[in-house]
Structures are given as structure tokens and as C-alpha cells.
Amino acid sequence: MAAIVTDQFRILNASNFVDNVTDSNNSYYVFVGLSNPTTSGFGRKTDFNTDTPSPTDNINYMNFVGDNMSFGKKVTSDNVRRLVRKISWSRGTKYEMYRHDYNLNNTSPITGSARLYDANYYVMNSDFKVYVCIDNGSSGINTTGNASLDEPTFTDLEPSKAGTSGDGYQWKYLFTVSPSDIIKFDSTDFISVSNSWSTSTDSQVVAVRDNGDSDVNNNQIKKVYIENQGVGYSNGTGQEVNILGDGTGGKVVIDVVNGKITNAVVSAGGKGYTYGMVDLGAIGNTSASTKASLIPIIPPSKGHGHDIYKELGSDRVLVFARFDTSTTNDFPVNTSFSQIGILKNPTSIGSTSLFTDPTFSSVGALKLSTANGTPTIGETISQVVTAGTAKGFVAAYDVDTKVIKFVQDRSSFLNQTSFDTTDYVGVSTFAKVHAFESNTNQVNCGTSGFNGSIDTGFTGVSTNPTGTKLISLDTQFTQGVSNPEINKKSGDIVYLDNRPLITRNARQKEDVKIILEF
């Protein structure tokens, strides 16, 4: 039984994702983690940086990712946009015209695409204005059309030629990418599209959207394509005939020279068409051996510009996040990461309530009173505690505040040779996970030799180590120990990307752009 997942289903999924992200009942976060991908352990490999492994899509691996998740930033409506492919206008290039009927047997003439959304039928100009190609001068005689010579720059509501070259192009203006979206979302491959096309009150968007509503203005069809000129038709110019079909009001003006149809210009676009056929009965010659074939091109939805997502095939979404230390210490300078992902609906530590803060820290932290040396990011950290030994990996260290941040993942507790559940000597002792404690036992790091004592007298969210500057630690410490701000086993990881290790420094900001294709 043959079946397909349609383009419109993908567009709908992209739309639903954006709506879900911006719904106040949800909290989505872009997160980073895994500060030591090249050490021994579960989910790691020695050549992670040169031969980065693909993530494993199963519950065990995602739980491991949750163990090593370090920091997250909330995704807001300002940081998510729908995308379409970027096709930049360039002089001398041939562009395909919009058609509703590209398929395996009727591929687009230049790119050979079997679906509309793979054809190059729209462009963005040098001023970030986007246009759909209504006509490129093509016909059954000239199937690929002409090279585009005039860059479209106008913002007229009706299709128009762009200049005086006579290249045969007619462009329909759709929208202009806003300056703020250019800064956040522009890339070499994609154009960002407004999230709220159908509800926007922006005057230019409203004008284009309403002009595309043929239920109101009867201007749905913009182009009738001459597939075959035919022979034997009544000569004459300016002969107006009807466009028949399941809509109403469509008309086209026909020019016939030497019995052949040489030109067809829509004089009334009508409304309600999903298919159409030009009625040539008034000018036809029924005895002619070659019949003309004229194809009314049916716009998406009610007309060009009414539904921009359907018009351009916006089945991708870009999620943007900037990680810096300008507003929070949740993202320390001295850290590294090799996993980037999206987490949906984590809960606040010690509760089932949805976590909604702008950022989160999902690492444990220890405020030290004394410190000897400097730890290496990603190395092991341990402390003797009441029931055994607490173990983890260093995620960050701040020299000024003497705060060391860490994660605890299964690599410290599984079989230390195979890093799986194979039995090993000492499993009764070493496979147990213990929390770090506020006690007098030193904290020790594996390879750097770093050690220190927990400041058991420190409770709060800020410190003043020099007496001249109050520094916010962003998480609550109790007797020198701070828990993650979220329950690490909560929420759903809906996207994950493994990367070569990225090491932060004081001068850099990480702009993360995640593109989701539905």
C-alpha cells in the first residue's frame, strides 16, 4: 500500500513546534554539556574530536546526556523562527516560476525538482526583501525561461517587472526580513520567516496578507502558462475568455497570431480555484489538429502572500541561544562542552514544578575555603563521605570565588574496563552513587593534583572574596554545597548534537543556532 508524508504535514509540524515553544505552559532550553568527551567512560571515545560519534537515540544514552548536562538557556519567542531555503538573487541567473503542479513526471525545468519546495522559484534580494517568481518568460517553446537581469526591489502588492531590460520576469513581493532577525537568524543557507504571519499587525505584513485573500478581492490567479500554442485559432489580440473550474470570476486575455496563441494575460484572478481550464470555445477551431494547452497556475491557499508558510514551504525551525557571562554566572568562563541540545520541561530541584527561569545550572557545586592548584576541566573529582566516596567530573572552576562545579555520570560507577554493567570486583562498594557532603574531608582531583576544603560555614548565593566586589554565584549554597537547579532526570531531550570539544574563554560568546527539519 503506497503512502506519503506530505509537505503540508512537515510544515504543520514546524508550526506546531513553534507554537509549543512559545506556549507559556512549556519551558524549552538550549543546553550544553559533556566537558570530557575524550576520556574513558560510557558515551565517550578517545577520538571524539576527530571522529565525532553520532548520538544514540535510546533512553540509556539520553539519561547519560542528562547526567552530563551543564548549563541551559531558555528559548523564548524572540529566539525561534521558521526557516526557508535561502535563494539569493543574482544577475544572469535563471529562476523557476512558481507552479502548483511540479511532480516526478513534470519536474521543474532548471533544478529538475519533483516538488515545488526544492525548486528555485523565489529569491531574496540584497536588501533582504523576498519575492516569488510569477513569470520567468517561459512557455512550452522556451521551457527554462530567461536569465533574470533586473533585481526586484519594489514593495508593490501586485506582481510587477523589476526593471526595463525586458527579461520577461514578473515578481510578487512577499516580505522583508527584519534587522533584528538578520542579526540572530541569518545564515548562508536559510531565510527566517515571521512566526506570526496570520496574526501580525505589522502594516506591511497585513497589506501583503490581505491582498492575498482572494475571497475579498477576487485576484487569486496571476498567471496562465502557455504549454502548447495550438494551431487554427481565431486571429486577434485582446480576446478575453473565462477560466473555468471549481472557482469563479477568472478571466484571461488571449492574443492569437497566425492561428497560434502567443500571449495570455490574466485580467481577473477570481477566487476559489483549486484547478482551472481556459475556455477557448469562443476563439477555437475544433477541426484543428493541434489543440492549445493553457495552464492556469493555482496559488497556495487563497492567493500569493496569504499563507507564507505554505507558499515557501517553511518546514524548518531555527532555535537561537547566546551563552555568555554578561547576565549570569550559570555559564562560567572556565568550562568546556561537546554536546548541545534542546530540553523540554525540566522541573525545579526538589519539586515537580516546571522550571521557568531564564537560565539554569544543572551541575553540583562546592564553595571551597582553601584550594591548592588549579583543576583540569573534565578530570575526576572525589571526596570521602559518610557512606563511601563521592565521585564526579570537573565541569568548571572559578579561581576568584573558589567554586568548583561538577557532574556525576555512570562512567564512574560502571565496570571501569568495559564501562557497562559487567560484574567487577568491588561492585558492592564502587557502584553506589554518593553525594558530595559538607564535611571536613578534602576534595581531590585525579590528574592535576588539585585539592581543597569545603567552606562549611558558607550559605548564600553571593560572595565577596576580596572585600571590594560582591559576586553572585547564581545558585543557592548551603554549608558550602549547591545542588543543580533542575531535577536532572526530568524533562525530555528533543534534540542532541555531538561536537568536537569547545573550550570557553573570557573573550568569547557562543551563539548557538540549531536548525530543526521536520
Protein backbone atom coordinates (compact mmCIF):
# COMPACT_ATOMS: atom_id res chain seq x y z
CA MET A 1 0.00 0.00 0.00
CA ALA A 2 1.56 3.26 -1.15
CA ALA A 3 1.61 6.25 1.21
CA ILE A 4 3.45 9.51 1.73
CA VAL A 5 4.06 12.01 4.49
CA THR A 6 3.08 15.24 2.75
CA ASP A 7 4.92 18.55 2.62
CA GLN A 8 1.99 20.16 4.40
CA PHE A 9 2.40 17.72 7.30
CA ARG A 10 6.02 18.82 7.68
CA ILE A 11 5.02 22.48 7.57
CA LEU A 12 2.34 21.79 10.16
CA ASN A 13 4.88 20.08 12.43
CA ALA A 14 7.19 23.07 12.20
CA SER A 15 4.28 25.36 13.05
CA ASN A 16 3.25 23.17 15.98
CA PHE A 17 6.80 23.15 17.35
CA VAL A 18 6.99 26.96 17.32
CA ASP A 19 3.59 27.19 18.97
CA ASN A 20 4.68 24.65 21.58
CA VAL A 21 7.88 26.57 22.37
CA THR A 22 6.05 29.86 22.80
CA ASP A 23 3.24 28.34 24.90
CA SER A 24 3.58 29.59 28.50
CA ASN A 25 2.74 26.10 29.75
CA ASN A 26 6.09 24.85 28.41
CA SER A 27 9.74 25.63 29.10
CA TYR A 28 12.29 24.85 26.39
CA TYR A 29 16.03 25.27 26.97
CA VAL A 30 19.12 25.05 24.80
CA PHE A 31 21.73 23.24 26.90
CA VAL A 32 25.42 22.35 26.72
CA GLY A 33 27.31 19.56 28.43
CA LEU A 34 29.89 16.73 28.36
CA SER A 35 33.10 18.54 29.27
CA ASN A 36 35.36 15.48 28.86
CA PRO A 37 34.39 13.56 25.72
CA THR A 38 37.82 12.03 25.04
CA THR A 39 38.40 10.35 28.42
CA SER A 40 37.48 6.76 29.17
CA GLY A 41 33.87 6.18 30.04
CA PHE A 42 30.36 5.49 28.83
CA GLY A 43 29.39 7.54 25.75
CA ARG A 44 32.93 8.76 25.14
CA LYS A 45 35.73 7.84 22.74
CA THR A 46 39.38 8.85 22.52
CA ASP A 47 38.96 10.33 19.03
CA PHE A 48 35.71 12.18 19.82
CA ASN A 49 37.21 15.43 18.48
CA THR A 50 38.45 13.96 15.18
CA ASP A 51 35.75 11.34 14.62
CA THR A 52 32.75 12.70 16.49
CA PRO A 53 30.20 9.94 17.10
CA SER A 54 26.56 10.30 16.24
CA PRO A 55 24.27 10.44 19.27
CA THR A 56 22.44 7.24 20.19
CA ASP A 57 18.68 7.62 20.27
CA ASN A 58 17.75 5.47 23.23
CA ILE A 59 16.77 6.04 26.84
CA ASN A 60 20.11 4.89 28.25
CA TYR A 61 22.13 7.36 26.19
CA MET A 62 19.73 10.24 26.83
CA ASN A 63 19.99 9.60 30.57
CA PHE A 64 23.78 9.80 30.19
CA VAL A 65 23.36 13.13 28.39
CA GLY A 66 21.21 14.32 31.27
CA ASP A 67 23.96 13.32 33.72
CA ASN A 68 26.48 15.48 31.87
CA MET A 69 24.19 18.41 31.10
CA SER A 70 25.84 21.53 32.50
CA PHE A 71 24.05 24.77 31.66
CA GLY A 72 20.89 25.84 29.86
CA LYS A 73 19.27 28.96 28.46
CA LYS A 74 15.54 29.34 27.93
CA VAL A 75 14.14 29.61 24.42
CA THR A 76 11.65 32.45 24.05
CA SER A 77 9.50 33.60 21.14
CA ASP A 78 12.28 36.07 20.30
CA ASN A 79 14.72 33.22 19.78
CA VAL A 80 12.84 30.83 17.50
CA ARG A 81 11.96 31.34 13.83
CA ARG A 82 10.62 29.31 10.93
CA LEU A 83 13.01 28.97 8.02
CA VAL A 84 13.03 28.51 4.27
CA ARG A 85 15.94 27.82 1.96
CA LYS A 86 17.97 30.87 1.03
CA ILE A 87 17.94 31.60 -2.70
CA SER A 88 19.74 34.89 -3.31
CA TRP A 89 19.02 36.90 -6.43
CA SER A 90 21.99 37.13 -8.79
CA ARG A 91 22.06 38.86 -12.16
CA GLY A 92 22.17 36.48 -15.12
CA THR A 93 20.68 33.55 -13.21
CA LYS A 94 17.61 31.67 -14.38
CA TYR A 95 14.93 31.21 -11.74
CA GLU A 96 11.96 28.89 -11.94
CA MET A 97 8.42 30.19 -11.79
CA TYR A 98 6.00 29.17 -9.08
CA ARG A 99 3.85 26.25 -10.20
CA HIS A 100 1.38 24.17 -8.29
CA ASP A 101 1.95 21.02 -10.32
CA TYR A 102 5.64 20.05 -10.18
CA ASN A 103 5.95 16.25 -9.77
CA LEU A 104 8.02 13.26 -10.89
CA ASN A 105 6.54 13.50 -14.38
CA ASN A 106 6.63 17.27 -14.53
CA THR A 107 9.85 18.33 -12.85
CA SER A 108 10.92 21.94 -12.53
CA PRO A 109 12.85 22.79 -15.70
CA ILE A 110 16.10 24.12 -14.17
CA THR A 111 16.70 22.20 -10.93
CA GLY A 112 14.78 19.10 -12.02
CA SER A 113 12.82 19.12 -8.78
CA ALA A 114 9.84 16.84 -8.33
CA ARG A 115 8.39 19.05 -5.59
CA LEU A 116 7.74 22.77 -5.52
CA TYR A 117 9.79 23.42 -2.38
CA ASP A 118 13.00 22.11 -3.97
CA ALA A 119 12.65 24.41 -6.99
CA ASN A 120 14.28 27.85 -7.11
CA TYR A 121 11.05 29.80 -7.50
CA TYR A 122 11.65 32.64 -5.04
CA VAL A 123 14.57 34.92 -4.20
CA MET A 124 15.88 37.25 -1.54
CA ASN A 125 17.43 40.46 -2.85
CA SER A 126 20.40 42.39 -1.45
CA ASP A 127 18.08 44.35 0.87
CA PHE A 128 16.63 41.18 2.44
CA LYS A 129 13.34 41.52 0.54
CA VAL A 130 11.76 38.24 -0.56
CA TYR A 131 9.87 37.73 -3.83
CA VAL A 132 8.14 34.81 -5.52
CA CYS A 133 8.62 34.39 -9.27
CA ILE A 134 5.24 34.57 -11.01
CA ASP A 135 6.67 34.54 -14.56
CA ASN A 136 10.17 33.97 -15.95
CA GLY A 137 9.34 34.28 -19.63
CA SER A 138 8.99 30.53 -20.08
CA SER A 139 6.50 28.59 -22.19
CA GLY A 140 6.24 25.26 -23.96
CA ILE A 141 8.62 26.72 -26.55
CA ASN A 142 11.11 28.19 -24.05
CA THR A 143 10.77 25.79 -21.12
CA THR A 144 13.61 27.11 -18.95
CA GLY A 145 12.70 30.76 -19.33
CA ASN A 146 15.13 33.67 -19.41
CA ALA A 147 18.01 34.86 -17.30
CA SER A 148 16.97 37.43 -14.69
CA LEU A 149 18.59 40.80 -15.40
CA ASP A 150 16.72 43.21 -13.11
CA GLU A 151 16.90 42.81 -9.33
CA PRO A 152 13.45 43.23 -7.77
CA THR A 153 13.41 45.98 -5.15
CA PHE A 154 9.79 47.19 -5.10
CA THR A 155 7.18 46.52 -2.41
CA ASP A 156 4.09 46.79 -4.63
CA LEU A 157 1.27 44.41 -3.75
CA GLU A 158 0.66 43.18 -7.29
CA PRO A 159 3.22 41.28 -9.41
CA SER A 160 5.45 43.54 -11.45
CA LYS A 161 8.53 43.53 -13.61
CA ALA A 162 11.67 44.66 -11.80
CA GLY A 163 13.25 46.89 -14.44
CA THR A 164 13.41 47.82 -18.10
CA SER A 165 15.57 45.01 -19.51
CA GLY A 166 12.58 43.08 -20.85
CA ASP A 167 13.80 39.85 -19.25
CA GLY A 168 10.20 38.62 -19.00
CA TYR A 169 10.17 38.26 -15.21
CA GLN A 170 7.21 39.13 -13.00
CA TRP A 171 7.90 39.15 -9.26
CA LYS A 172 5.46 39.22 -6.34
CA TYR A 173 6.77 40.92 -3.18
CA LEU A 174 6.20 38.88 -0.01
CA PHE A 175 8.11 40.31 2.96
CA THR A 176 11.31 41.91 4.24
CA VAL A 177 13.44 40.18 6.89
CA SER A 178 13.67 42.48 9.92
CA PRO A 179 17.10 43.80 11.03
CA SER A 180 16.81 42.04 14.39
CA ASP A 181 16.11 38.72 12.67
CA ILE A 182 19.06 39.24 10.34
CA ILE A 183 21.38 39.55 13.36
CA LYS A 184 20.08 36.45 15.12
CA PHE A 185 18.90 34.12 12.41
CA ASP A 186 20.63 34.93 9.13
CA SER A 187 22.79 32.17 7.68
CA THR A 188 24.31 31.20 4.36
CA ASP A 189 21.60 28.59 3.74
CA PHE A 190 18.34 29.87 5.22
CA ILE A 191 15.94 32.83 5.40
CA SER A 192 13.99 33.44 8.61
CA VAL A 193 10.23 33.92 8.37
CA SER A 194 7.91 35.65 10.83
CA ASN A 195 6.32 33.35 13.41
CA SER A 196 3.02 35.22 13.34
CA TRP A 197 2.20 35.84 9.68
CA SER A 198 -1.52 35.13 10.09
CA THR A 199 -1.90 37.35 13.18
CA SER A 200 0.73 40.05 12.69
CA THR A 201 -0.39 43.67 12.93
CA ASP A 202 2.67 44.98 11.09
CA SER A 203 1.27 47.21 8.36
CA GLN A 204 3.36 45.73 5.56
CA VAL A 205 2.58 42.14 6.55
CA VAL A 206 -1.12 42.97 6.84
CA ALA A 207 -1.12 44.58 3.39
CA VAL A 208 0.51 41.56 1.70
CA ARG A 209 -1.58 39.04 3.63
CA ASP A 210 -4.88 40.78 2.97
CA ASN A 211 -4.04 41.36 -0.69
CA GLY A 212 -3.60 37.60 -0.96
CA ASP A 213 -7.12 36.97 0.32
CA SER A 214 -8.99 36.38 -2.94
CA ASP A 215 -12.23 35.81 -1.05
CA VAL A 216 -12.22 39.56 -0.61
CA ASN A 217 -10.53 40.96 -3.72
CA ASN A 218 -11.03 38.30 -6.43
CA ASN A 219 -7.38 38.23 -7.54
CA GLN A 220 -6.32 34.64 -6.94
CA ILE A 221 -4.82 33.52 -10.28
CA LYS A 222 -1.88 35.60 -11.52
CA LYS A 223 -0.53 33.53 -14.40
CA VAL A 224 -1.75 31.33 -17.23
CA TYR A 225 1.10 29.27 -18.68
CA ILE A 226 1.18 28.52 -22.41
CA GLU A 227 2.18 24.85 -22.54
CA ASN A 228 1.17 24.46 -26.19
CA GLN A 229 0.23 27.31 -28.55
CA GLY A 230 -2.03 25.14 -30.69
CA VAL A 231 -2.99 25.95 -34.29
CA GLY A 232 -6.10 27.10 -36.08
CA TYR A 233 -7.39 29.57 -33.51
CA SER A 234 -9.09 32.82 -34.46
CA ASN A 235 -6.54 35.57 -35.01
CA GLY A 236 -6.80 38.67 -32.89
CA THR A 237 -5.39 40.41 -29.85
CA GLY A 238 -7.10 41.23 -26.59
CA GLN A 239 -9.63 38.41 -26.76
CA GLU A 240 -10.95 37.87 -23.22
CA VAL A 241 -12.17 34.41 -22.24
CA ASN A 242 -13.17 32.72 -18.98
CA ILE A 243 -11.20 30.48 -16.67
CA LEU A 244 -13.45 27.56 -15.79
CA GLY A 245 -13.05 25.13 -12.87
CA ASP A 246 -14.15 24.96 -9.25
CA GLY A 247 -13.63 28.69 -8.69
CA THR A 248 -15.33 31.75 -10.12
CA GLY A 249 -14.50 35.05 -11.76
CA GLY A 250 -11.24 34.17 -13.50
CA LYS A 251 -10.60 35.69 -16.94
CA VAL A 252 -7.63 35.78 -19.29
CA VAL A 253 -6.88 37.93 -22.36
CA ILE A 254 -5.59 35.91 -25.32
CA ASP A 255 -3.54 37.05 -28.33
CA VAL A 256 -3.61 34.83 -31.43
CA VAL A 257 -1.23 35.33 -34.37
CA ASN A 258 -1.32 33.07 -37.42
CA GLY A 259 -3.66 30.74 -35.58
CA LYS A 260 -1.28 30.29 -32.63
CA ILE A 261 -1.79 31.58 -29.11
CA THR A 262 1.17 33.87 -28.49
CA ASN A 263 0.22 35.58 -25.25
CA ALA A 264 -2.09 35.03 -22.27
CA VAL A 265 -2.51 37.71 -19.60
CA VAL A 266 -4.79 37.26 -16.60
CA SER A 267 -7.32 40.10 -16.50
CA ALA A 268 -9.29 38.86 -13.47
CA GLY A 269 -7.86 36.40 -10.93
CA GLY A 270 -11.16 35.24 -9.48
CA LYS A 271 -11.38 33.15 -6.32
CA GLY A 272 -11.86 29.63 -5.01
CA TYR A 273 -9.85 27.75 -7.64
CA THR A 274 -8.01 24.50 -6.94
CA TYR A 275 -7.94 23.74 -10.65
CA GLY A 276 -8.83 25.67 -13.77
CA MET A 277 -9.15 25.39 -17.53
CA VAL A 278 -9.25 28.20 -20.05
CA ASP A 279 -12.41 28.21 -22.15
CA LEU A 280 -11.19 28.66 -25.73
CA GLY A 281 -14.52 27.78 -27.30
CA ALA A 282 -15.19 31.32 -28.49
CA ILE A 283 -11.90 31.55 -30.41
CA GLY A 284 -11.21 27.90 -31.12
CA ASN A 285 -11.13 25.89 -34.31
CA THR A 286 -12.48 22.46 -33.43
CA SER A 287 -11.09 20.99 -36.65
CA ALA A 288 -7.54 21.97 -35.76
CA SER A 289 -5.16 19.06 -35.48
CA THR A 290 -3.20 20.58 -32.58
CA LYS A 291 -5.11 21.84 -29.60
CA ALA A 292 -3.69 24.53 -27.33
CA SER A 293 -2.83 23.73 -23.71
CA LEU A 294 -3.10 26.63 -21.31
CA ILE A 295 -2.45 26.01 -17.62
CA PRO A 296 -3.89 28.40 -15.01
CA ILE A 297 -1.29 28.45 -12.23
CA ILE A 298 -3.06 27.99 -8.88
CA PRO A 299 -1.52 29.90 -5.96
CA PRO A 300 -1.23 28.37 -2.49
CA SER A 301 -4.13 28.96 -0.13
CA LYS A 302 -6.33 31.89 -1.25
CA GLY A 303 -3.59 33.70 -3.14
CA HIS A 304 0.08 34.67 -3.19
CA GLY A 305 1.14 36.13 0.15
CA HIS A 306 -1.86 34.95 2.17
CA ASP A 307 -0.14 31.92 3.74
CA ILE A 308 3.62 32.49 3.63
CA TYR A 309 4.44 29.13 5.21
CA LYS A 310 2.60 27.15 2.56
CA GLU A 311 3.88 29.45 -0.19
CA LEU A 312 7.56 28.94 0.64
CA GLY A 313 7.49 25.54 2.35
CA SER A 314 8.68 26.53 5.83
CA ASP A 315 9.30 23.06 7.26
CA ARG A 316 12.40 24.04 9.25
CA VAL A 317 12.83 25.92 12.52
CA LEU A 318 15.88 27.73 13.87
CA VAL A 319 16.42 27.96 17.63
CA PHE A 320 18.92 30.59 18.81
CA ALA A 321 20.73 30.89 22.14
CA ARG A 322 23.68 33.02 23.24
CA PHE A 323 25.84 31.70 26.05
CA ASP A 324 27.78 34.43 27.83
CA THR A 325 28.58 35.70 31.33
CA SER A 326 27.11 39.19 30.93
CA THR A 327 23.95 38.46 32.92
CA THR A 328 24.60 35.21 34.81
CA ASN A 329 27.35 33.03 36.27
CA ASP A 330 25.42 29.92 35.23
CA PHE A 331 27.75 29.89 32.20
CA PRO A 332 31.27 30.10 33.67
CA VAL A 333 34.22 31.20 31.57
CA ASN A 334 36.43 28.29 32.57
CA THR A 335 34.48 25.37 31.16
CA SER A 336 34.12 23.29 28.01
CA PHE A 337 31.42 21.27 26.29
CA SER A 338 30.90 18.87 23.41
CA GLN A 339 27.14 18.32 23.44
CA ILE A 340 24.43 20.81 22.51
CA GLY A 341 20.76 20.02 22.78
CA ILE A 342 17.21 21.12 23.50
CA LEU A 343 15.48 20.15 26.73
CA LYS A 344 11.72 20.40 27.18
CA ASN A 345 10.03 20.97 30.55
CA PRO A 346 12.61 20.27 33.26
CA THR A 347 11.34 20.57 36.83
CA SER A 348 12.81 22.60 39.68
CA ILE A 349 15.12 20.77 42.06
CA GLY A 350 13.26 19.04 44.88
CA SER A 351 9.87 19.66 43.32
CA THR A 352 7.58 18.68 40.47
CA SER A 353 7.02 22.31 39.44
CA LEU A 354 8.01 23.40 35.95
CA PHE A 355 11.34 25.23 35.91
CA THR A 356 10.88 28.60 34.17
CA ASP A 357 13.93 30.75 34.99
CA PRO A 358 15.82 32.34 32.05
CA THR A 359 18.87 30.10 32.67
CA PHE A 360 19.72 27.01 34.67
CA SER A 361 22.77 25.35 36.13
CA SER A 362 22.45 21.57 36.15
CA VAL A 363 25.79 20.88 37.85
CA GLY A 364 26.56 20.43 41.51
CA ALA A 365 28.93 22.97 43.07
CA LEU A 366 31.25 23.23 46.06
CA LYS A 367 32.40 26.51 47.64
CA LEU A 368 35.94 25.95 48.93
CA SER A 369 37.66 27.75 51.77
CA THR A 370 41.14 26.64 50.71
CA ALA A 371 42.36 25.50 47.31
CA ASN A 372 45.73 24.20 46.14
CA GLY A 373 46.48 24.32 42.42
CA THR A 374 44.07 24.53 39.51
CA PRO A 375 41.85 21.65 38.38
CA THR A 376 41.66 20.50 34.78
CA ILE A 377 38.22 20.68 33.20
CA GLY A 378 36.87 17.17 32.75
CA GLU A 379 39.14 15.40 35.22
CA THR A 380 37.83 13.29 38.08
CA ILE A 381 36.89 14.77 41.44
CA SER A 382 36.28 12.81 44.65
CA GLN A 383 35.58 13.18 48.36
CA VAL A 384 35.32 10.70 51.20
CA VAL A 385 31.77 10.91 52.56
CA THR A 386 29.77 9.15 55.24
CA ALA A 387 28.78 6.08 53.21
CA GLY A 388 31.81 5.80 50.91
CA THR A 389 33.36 8.00 48.22
CA ALA A 390 31.60 10.66 46.16
CA LYS A 391 32.90 10.79 42.58
CA GLY A 392 32.35 13.03 39.58
CA PHE A 393 33.96 15.08 36.81
CA VAL A 394 35.01 18.73 36.94
CA ALA A 395 32.77 20.95 34.79
CA ALA A 396 34.15 24.38 35.77
CA TYR A 397 36.29 26.18 38.33
CA ASP A 398 36.39 29.85 39.32
CA VAL A 399 39.70 30.91 40.84
CA ASP A 400 38.27 34.12 42.33
CA THR A 401 35.32 32.57 44.18
CA LYS A 402 36.89 29.12 44.72
CA VAL A 403 33.73 27.46 43.37
CA ILE A 404 34.22 24.14 41.65
CA LYS A 405 31.35 22.70 39.59
CA PHE A 406 30.96 19.04 38.75
CA VAL A 407 28.76 16.36 37.20
CA GLN A 408 28.25 12.76 38.24
CA ASP A 409 27.61 10.25 35.47
CA ARG A 410 27.54 6.47 35.15
CA SER A 411 31.12 6.30 33.86
CA SER A 412 32.38 6.48 37.47
CA PHE A 413 30.23 3.59 38.65
CA LEU A 414 30.02 1.05 35.80
CA ASN A 415 32.68 -1.59 35.12
CA GLN A 416 35.84 0.52 34.72
CA THR A 417 37.19 -1.59 31.84
CA SER A 418 34.12 -2.15 29.66
CA PHE A 419 32.01 0.73 31.03
CA ASP A 420 28.89 -1.39 31.02
CA THR A 421 27.02 -3.49 33.57
CA THR A 422 29.55 -6.37 33.56
CA ASP A 423 30.22 -7.52 37.12
CA TYR A 424 33.52 -6.43 38.69
CA VAL A 425 35.44 -6.80 41.94
CA GLY A 426 34.28 -4.20 44.44
CA VAL A 427 30.95 -3.55 42.74
CA SER A 428 29.16 -3.51 46.10
CA THR A 429 31.22 -0.51 47.15
CA PHE A 430 32.14 1.34 43.99
CA ALA A 431 28.88 1.13 42.01
CA LYS A 432 26.98 3.17 44.57
CA VAL A 433 26.43 6.85 43.79
CA HIS A 434 27.15 9.12 46.76
CA ALA A 435 26.55 12.84 47.00
CA PHE A 436 29.32 15.26 47.95
CA GLU A 437 28.92 16.41 51.56
CA SER A 438 29.55 19.45 53.68
CA ASN A 439 32.32 17.95 55.83
CA THR A 440 35.99 18.49 56.65
CA ASN A 441 37.27 15.85 54.21
CA GLN A 442 39.24 17.29 51.33
CA VAL A 443 38.08 17.35 47.74
CA ASN A 444 40.70 15.82 45.44
CA CYS A 445 41.14 15.88 41.65
CA GLY A 446 42.63 12.99 39.75
CA THR A 447 45.35 14.21 37.39
CA SER A 448 46.09 17.84 38.28
CA GLY A 449 46.66 17.19 41.97
CA PHE A 450 44.21 19.94 42.89
CA ASN A 451 42.70 19.70 46.36
CA GLY A 452 40.71 21.89 48.71
CA SER A 453 38.44 22.04 51.71
CA ILE A 454 34.74 22.84 51.58
CA ASP A 455 33.73 26.12 53.20
CA THR A 456 31.20 24.54 55.56
CA GLY A 457 30.36 27.94 57.02
CA PHE A 458 29.21 29.45 53.70
CA THR A 459 25.48 29.71 52.96
CA GLY A 460 24.01 32.05 50.34
CA VAL A 461 24.05 32.99 46.67
CA SER A 462 26.83 35.62 46.62
CA THR A 463 30.33 36.09 47.95
CA ASN A 464 32.81 38.93 48.38
CA PRO A 465 36.24 37.25 48.23
CA THR A 466 38.30 40.46 48.08
CA GLY A 467 36.04 42.64 50.20
CA THR A 468 35.61 45.08 47.32
CA LYS A 469 33.20 43.32 44.94
CA LEU A 470 30.09 41.26 45.59
CA ILE A 471 29.92 38.33 43.17
CA SER A 472 26.68 36.46 42.52
CA LEU A 473 27.06 32.70 42.33
CA ASP A 474 23.55 32.33 40.87
CA THR A 475 22.80 29.14 42.79
CA GLN A 476 21.95 28.67 46.47
CA PHE A 477 24.73 27.22 48.63
CA THR A 478 24.09 25.58 51.98
CA GLN A 479 27.18 24.96 54.12
CA GLY A 480 29.38 25.17 51.03
CA VAL A 481 27.37 22.77 48.83
CA SER A 482 24.97 23.66 46.00
CA ASN A 483 22.66 21.33 44.12
CA PRO A 484 21.67 21.61 40.44
CA GLU A 485 18.75 23.99 39.83
CA ILE A 486 16.78 21.35 37.92
CA ASN A 487 15.99 17.72 38.55
CA LYS A 488 18.47 16.08 36.23
CA LYS A 489 16.16 13.19 35.45
CA SER A 490 13.29 15.47 34.45
CA GLY A 491 12.20 16.79 31.08
CA ASP A 492 12.66 15.39 27.59
CA ILE A 493 15.70 15.84 25.38
CA VAL A 494 14.16 16.54 21.96
CA TYR A 495 17.36 17.39 20.09
CA LEU A 496 21.03 16.45 20.56
CA ASP A 497 24.20 17.24 18.67
CA ASN A 498 27.66 15.84 19.45
CA ARG A 499 30.50 18.25 18.61
CA PRO A 500 34.29 18.41 18.90
CA LEU A 501 35.17 19.89 22.30
CA ILE A 502 34.54 23.64 22.62
CA THR A 503 36.57 25.41 25.29
CA ARG A 504 35.31 28.76 26.55
CA ASN A 505 37.41 31.79 27.36
CA ALA A 506 36.78 35.25 28.78
CA ARG A 507 36.58 36.90 25.35
CA GLN A 508 34.08 34.69 23.61
CA LYS A 509 30.34 34.33 23.41
CA GLU A 510 28.81 31.20 21.98
CA ASP A 511 25.96 31.86 19.57
CA VAL A 512 24.20 28.54 19.17
CA LYS A 513 21.93 28.11 16.16
CA ILE A 514 20.04 24.83 15.97
CA ILE A 515 18.14 24.05 12.78
CA LEU A 516 15.34 21.51 13.07
CA GLU A 517 13.95 19.96 9.89
CA PHE A 518 10.53 18.38 10.06
